C-alpha atoms as a PDB file:
ATOM      1  CA  MET A   1      19.654  12.650  13.063  1.00  0.00           C
ATOM      2  CA  SER A   2      21.897   9.652  12.648  1.00  0.00           C
ATOM      3  CA  ARG A   3      21.845   7.007  15.376  1.00  0.00           C
ATOM      4  CA  LYS A   4      24.185   4.064  15.843  1.00  0.00           C
ATOM      5  CA  MET A   5      23.273   0.497  16.697  1.00  0.00           C
ATOM      6  CA  THR A   6      25.245  -2.714  16.845  1.00  0.00           C
ATOM      7  CA  VAL A   7      23.670  -5.666  15.080  1.00  0.00           C
ATOM      8  CA  VAL A   8      24.887  -9.112  16.101  1.00  0.00           C
ATOM      9  CA  PHE A   9      24.542 -11.784  13.424  1.00  0.00           C
ATOM     10  CA  HIS A  10      24.254 -15.235  14.936  1.00  0.00           C
ATOM     11  CA  ASN A  11      24.134 -16.659  11.436  1.00  0.00           C
ATOM     12  CA  GLU A  12      27.509 -16.143   9.742  1.00  0.00           C
ATOM     13  CA  ASP A  13      26.047 -16.889   6.298  1.00  0.00           C
ATOM     14  CA  LEU A  14      23.465 -14.128   6.697  1.00  0.00           C
ATOM     15  CA  TYR A  15      26.222 -11.648   7.519  1.00  0.00           C
ATOM     16  CA  THR A  16      28.243 -12.798   4.505  1.00  0.00           C
ATOM     17  CA  TYR A  17      25.235 -12.534   2.186  1.00  0.00           C
ATOM     18  CA  LEU A  18      24.559  -9.028   3.473  1.00  0.00           C
ATOM     19  CA  LYS A  19      28.137  -7.889   2.838  1.00  0.00           C
ATOM     20  CA  VAL A  20      28.168  -9.434  -0.643  1.00  0.00           C
ATOM     21  CA  GLU A  21      24.846  -7.779  -1.519  1.00  0.00           C
ATOM     22  CA  ALA A  22      26.083  -4.437  -0.182  1.00  0.00           C
ATOM     23  CA  ALA A  23      29.191  -4.680  -2.361  1.00  0.00           C
ATOM     24  CA  ARG A  24      27.138  -5.722  -5.383  1.00  0.00           C
ATOM     25  CA  ARG A  25      24.795  -2.740  -4.942  1.00  0.00           C
ATOM     26  CA  HIS A  26      27.618  -0.326  -4.084  1.00  0.00           C
ATOM     27  CA  MET A  27      25.853   0.732  -0.902  1.00  0.00           C
ATOM     28  CA  PRO A  28      26.530   0.395   2.818  1.00  0.00           C
ATOM     29  CA  ALA A  29      25.153  -2.675   4.581  1.00  0.00           C
ATOM     30  CA  SER A  30      23.541  -0.333   7.108  1.00  0.00           C
ATOM     31  CA  GLU A  31      21.391   1.130   4.331  1.00  0.00           C
ATOM     32  CA  ILE A  32      20.195  -2.338   3.309  1.00  0.00           C
ATOM     33  CA  ILE A  33      19.344  -3.109   6.933  1.00  0.00           C
ATOM     34  CA  ALA A  34      17.528   0.225   7.360  1.00  0.00           C
ATOM     35  CA  ASP A  35      15.500  -0.446   4.184  1.00  0.00           C
ATOM     36  CA  ALA A  36      14.631  -3.957   5.386  1.00  0.00           C
ATOM     37  CA  VAL A  37      13.504  -2.692   8.797  1.00  0.00           C
ATOM     38  CA  SER A  38      11.402   0.053   7.171  1.00  0.00           C
ATOM     39  CA  GLU A  39       9.708  -2.469   4.872  1.00  0.00           C
ATOM     40  CA  TRP A  40       9.085  -4.803   7.814  1.00  0.00           C
ATOM     41  CA  LEU A  41       7.495  -2.008   9.864  1.00  0.00           C
ATOM     42  CA  GLU A  42       5.286  -0.989   6.930  1.00  0.00           C
ATOM     43  CA  SER A  43       4.164  -4.590   6.429  1.00  0.00           C
ATOM     44  CA  ARG A  44       3.237  -4.754  10.127  1.00  0.00           C
ATOM     45  CA  GLU A  45       1.098  -1.628   9.693  1.00  0.00           C
ATOM     46  CA  ASP A  46      -0.558  -3.203   6.663  1.00  0.00           C
ATOM     47  CA  ALA A  47      -1.201  -6.409   8.624  1.00  0.00           C
ATOM     48  CA  GLU A  48      -2.914  -4.376  11.346  1.00  0.00           C
ATOM     49  CA  LEU A  49      -5.314  -2.986   8.741  1.00  0.00           C
ATOM     50  CA  LEU A  50      -6.442  -6.400   7.479  1.00  0.00           C
ATOM     51  CA  PRO A  51      -9.075  -6.962  10.212  1.00  0.00           C
ATOM     52  CA  VAL A  52     -10.470  -3.471   9.556  1.00  0.00           C
ATOM     53  CA  ILE A  53     -10.640  -4.164   5.827  1.00  0.00           C
ATOM     54  CA  ASP A  54     -12.292  -7.549   6.400  1.00  0.00           C
ATOM     55  CA  SER A  55     -14.849  -5.971   8.731  1.00  0.00           C
ATOM     56  CA  ALA A  56     -15.661  -3.250   6.193  1.00  0.00           C
ATOM     57  CA  ARG A  57     -15.977  -5.827   3.417  1.00  0.00           C
ATOM     58  CA  THR A  58     -18.341  -7.955   5.544  1.00  0.00           C
ATOM     59  CA  GLU A  59     -20.483  -4.918   6.373  1.00  0.00           C
ATOM     60  CA  TRP A  60     -20.544  -3.955   2.695  1.00  0.00           C
ATOM     61  CA  LYS A  61     -21.811  -7.425   1.735  1.00  0.00           C
ATOM     62  CA  GLU A  62     -24.405  -7.488   4.534  1.00  0.00           C
ATOM     63  CA  LYS A  63     -25.834  -4.114   3.527  1.00  0.00           C
ATOM     64  CA  GLY A  64     -26.022  -4.955  -0.168  1.00  0.00           C
ATOM     65  CA  GLY A  65     -22.961  -3.169  -1.459  1.00  0.00           C
ATOM     66  CA  ARG A  66     -22.398  -2.806  -5.183  1.00  0.00           C
ATOM     67  CA  PRO A  67     -19.219  -3.001  -7.231  1.00  0.00           C
ATOM     68  CA  TRP A  68     -17.556   0.348  -7.962  1.00  0.00           C
ATOM     69  CA  SER A  69     -17.857  -0.242 -11.721  1.00  0.00           C
ATOM     70  CA  GLU A  70     -21.653  -0.273 -11.381  1.00  0.00           C
ATOM     71  CA  ALA A  71     -21.756   2.878  -9.251  1.00  0.00           C
ATOM     72  CA  GLU A  72     -19.288   4.601 -11.579  1.00  0.00           C
ATOM     73  CA  ARG A  73     -21.438   3.796 -14.619  1.00  0.00           C
ATOM     74  CA  GLU A  74     -24.530   5.240 -12.894  1.00  0.00           C
ATOM     75  CA  LEU A  75     -22.597   8.347 -11.926  1.00  0.00           C
ATOM     76  CA  GLU A  76     -21.383   8.881 -15.490  1.00  0.00           C
ATOM     77  CA  GLU A  77     -24.926   8.409 -16.834  1.00  0.00           C
ATOM     78  CA  SER A  78     -26.281  10.927 -14.325  1.00  0.00           C
ATOM     79  CA  ILE A  79     -23.613  13.472 -15.259  1.00  0.00           C
ATOM     80  CA  SER A  80     -24.345  12.967 -18.964  1.00  0.00           C
ATOM     81  CA  ARG A  81     -28.083  13.514 -18.390  1.00  0.00           C
ATOM     82  CA  ARG A  82     -27.440  16.708 -16.407  1.00  0.00           C
ATOM     83  CA  GLU A  83     -25.008  18.025 -19.002  1.00  0.00           C
ATOM     84  CA  GLY A  84     -27.534  17.199 -21.748  1.00  0.00           C
ATOM     85  CA  ALA A  85     -30.309  19.008 -19.859  1.00  0.00           C
ATOM     86  CA  ALA A  86     -28.082  22.029 -19.256  1.00  0.00           C
ATOM     87  CA  GLU A  87     -27.107  22.118 -22.937  1.00  0.00           C
ATOM     88  CA  ALA A  88     -30.776  21.918 -24.009  1.00  0.00           C
ATOM     89  CA  LYS A  89     -31.608  24.915 -21.801  1.00  0.00           C
ATOM     90  CA  ARG A  90     -28.844  26.978 -23.405  1.00  0.00           C
ATOM     91  CA  VAL A  91     -30.061  26.320 -26.938  1.00  0.00           C
END
């Protein structure tokens, strides 16, 4: 559904830059504004996650977390051992 909204530019230069950019991109100014608002909202969501990420990182350090590369290497070694054992049983 398409909704209408009036945007008042108190900065004439900003309005001019928007219109020039819209012409340069061959797209309506409203599309540029909609994209900018969407990006802004997404960045706000990302900013809300930062405390959660920091908390998880702190907990990880406190409990002796390991880098993924180390865990991945152990996992690959374990898989190789199991595959080797399974192959030995078949032979």
